[in-house]
Amino acid sequence: MYMKRLLYIASALWLLLTVSCVKEEPVSVEFAQQSYNFVVGDTLDMLSVLTVKNSSEKPVFESSNDSVAFFKGDILIAKAAGQCIITATVEGVNAHCDVMVSNVLADSI
């Protein structure tokens, strides 16, 4: 009887240690590019340029300067010429990219 109990306890401890040692991959958030150029009035669905690994949570987007570019849901809208930094946050993990908004495309000058 004593050996049977000891075997159950040892099995339970082994199972507990095995389950608790399984490593979960960390959440990662990454933009496809480090910077984006827009013309006033351009829009971009930021979910299309963001890669989130090991999380099913929806990212929260934020602009450092809403007068240059702001969000309507997940859509970034270029409002006025200038620069800002876009931040995407998922489960406390952040990714950043630079945004430059101009009045006209440089190629069209």
Protein backbone atom coordinates (compact mmCIF):
# COMPACT_ATOMS: atom_id res chain seq x y z
CA MET A 1 0.00 0.00 0.00
CA TYR A 2 2.84 2.36 0.90
CA MET A 3 4.59 1.72 -2.43
CA LYS A 4 1.37 2.30 -4.34
CA ARG A 5 0.90 5.72 -2.69
CA LEU A 6 4.52 6.59 -3.30
CA LEU A 7 4.13 5.67 -6.97
CA TYR A 8 1.00 7.89 -7.28
CA ILE A 9 2.77 10.81 -5.63
CA ALA A 10 5.84 10.41 -7.83
CA SER A 11 3.66 10.21 -10.96
CA ALA A 12 1.73 13.33 -9.95
CA LEU A 13 4.94 15.26 -9.31
CA TRP A 14 6.41 14.15 -12.64
CA LEU A 15 3.23 15.24 -14.45
CA LEU A 16 3.19 18.59 -12.66
CA LEU A 17 6.84 19.27 -13.49
CA THR A 18 6.39 18.22 -17.11
CA VAL A 19 3.38 20.48 -17.65
CA SER A 20 4.88 23.48 -15.84
CA CYS A 21 8.14 23.30 -17.81
CA VAL A 22 6.50 23.71 -21.21
CA LYS A 23 7.80 26.99 -22.57
CA GLU A 24 5.36 29.30 -24.25
CA GLU A 25 6.74 31.33 -27.12
CA PRO A 26 6.80 35.05 -26.36
CA VAL A 27 4.47 37.44 -28.14
CA SER A 28 6.13 39.36 -30.96
CA VAL A 29 4.83 42.38 -32.87
CA GLU A 30 6.52 43.71 -35.99
CA PHE A 31 5.77 46.14 -38.82
CA ALA A 32 6.69 45.09 -42.37
CA GLN A 33 8.80 48.27 -42.74
CA GLN A 34 10.45 50.69 -40.33
CA SER A 35 8.97 53.73 -42.08
CA TYR A 36 6.09 54.66 -44.39
CA ASN A 37 5.53 57.66 -46.66
CA PHE A 38 2.06 59.03 -47.30
CA VAL A 39 0.40 61.90 -49.10
CA VAL A 40 -2.29 63.86 -47.26
CA GLY A 41 -5.53 61.90 -47.59
CA ASP A 42 -3.90 58.47 -47.98
CA THR A 43 -5.14 55.61 -45.81
CA LEU A 44 -3.68 52.26 -44.81
CA ASP A 45 -5.14 49.29 -42.96
CA MET A 46 -2.35 48.82 -40.43
CA LEU A 47 -3.32 45.18 -39.85
CA SER A 48 -2.08 44.48 -43.38
CA VAL A 49 1.48 45.60 -42.51
CA LEU A 50 1.68 44.20 -38.97
CA THR A 51 2.77 40.71 -38.00
CA VAL A 52 1.71 39.41 -34.59
CA LYS A 53 3.03 36.06 -33.41
CA ASN A 54 1.85 33.95 -30.48
CA SER A 55 -1.21 36.01 -29.66
CA SER A 56 -4.78 36.15 -30.87
CA GLU A 57 -5.40 39.55 -29.27
CA LYS A 58 -6.18 42.51 -31.51
CA PRO A 59 -3.44 45.17 -31.60
CA VAL A 60 -4.04 48.66 -30.26
CA PHE A 61 -2.68 51.39 -32.54
CA GLU A 62 -1.59 54.86 -31.48
CA SER A 63 -0.15 57.88 -33.30
CA SER A 64 2.34 60.18 -31.59
CA ASN A 65 0.79 63.15 -33.43
CA ASP A 66 -2.91 62.91 -34.34
CA SER A 67 -2.70 66.17 -36.28
CA VAL A 68 -0.39 64.44 -38.81
CA ALA A 69 -1.92 60.94 -38.90
CA PHE A 70 -4.71 59.43 -36.83
CA PHE A 71 -6.60 56.17 -36.52
CA LYS A 72 -10.17 55.30 -37.30
CA GLY A 73 -10.26 51.73 -35.99
CA ASP A 74 -7.26 49.98 -37.56
CA ILE A 75 -7.09 52.40 -40.51
CA LEU A 76 -4.36 55.04 -40.47
CA ILE A 77 -5.42 58.31 -42.13
CA ALA A 78 -2.79 60.83 -43.27
CA LYS A 79 -4.19 64.22 -42.24
CA ALA A 80 -1.45 66.85 -42.68
CA ALA A 81 2.19 67.17 -43.70
CA GLY A 82 4.61 66.17 -40.95
CA GLN A 83 6.05 63.21 -39.09
CA CYS A 84 4.81 60.90 -36.36
CA ILE A 85 5.53 57.55 -34.79
CA ILE A 86 2.98 54.77 -34.92
CA THR A 87 2.88 52.27 -32.06
CA ALA A 88 1.16 48.89 -32.13
CA THR A 89 0.69 47.15 -28.78
CA VAL A 90 -0.31 43.53 -28.18
CA GLU A 91 -0.25 42.06 -24.66
CA GLY A 92 2.18 44.77 -23.53
CA VAL A 93 4.59 44.18 -26.43
CA ASN A 94 5.17 47.20 -28.70
CA ALA A 95 6.31 47.78 -32.26
CA HIS A 96 7.04 51.20 -33.74
CA CYS A 97 7.32 52.66 -37.21
CA ASP A 98 7.92 56.17 -38.53
CA VAL A 99 5.35 57.89 -40.73
CA MET A 100 6.12 60.82 -43.01
CA VAL A 101 3.17 62.65 -44.55
CA SER A 102 3.69 65.15 -47.37
CA ASN A 103 1.35 67.34 -49.41
CA VAL A 104 2.43 65.79 -52.76
CA LEU A 105 4.39 62.75 -53.86
CA ALA A 106 8.08 63.51 -54.34
CA ASP A 107 8.06 61.52 -57.63
CA SER A 108 5.41 63.80 -59.16
CA ILE A 109 7.46 67.00 -58.85
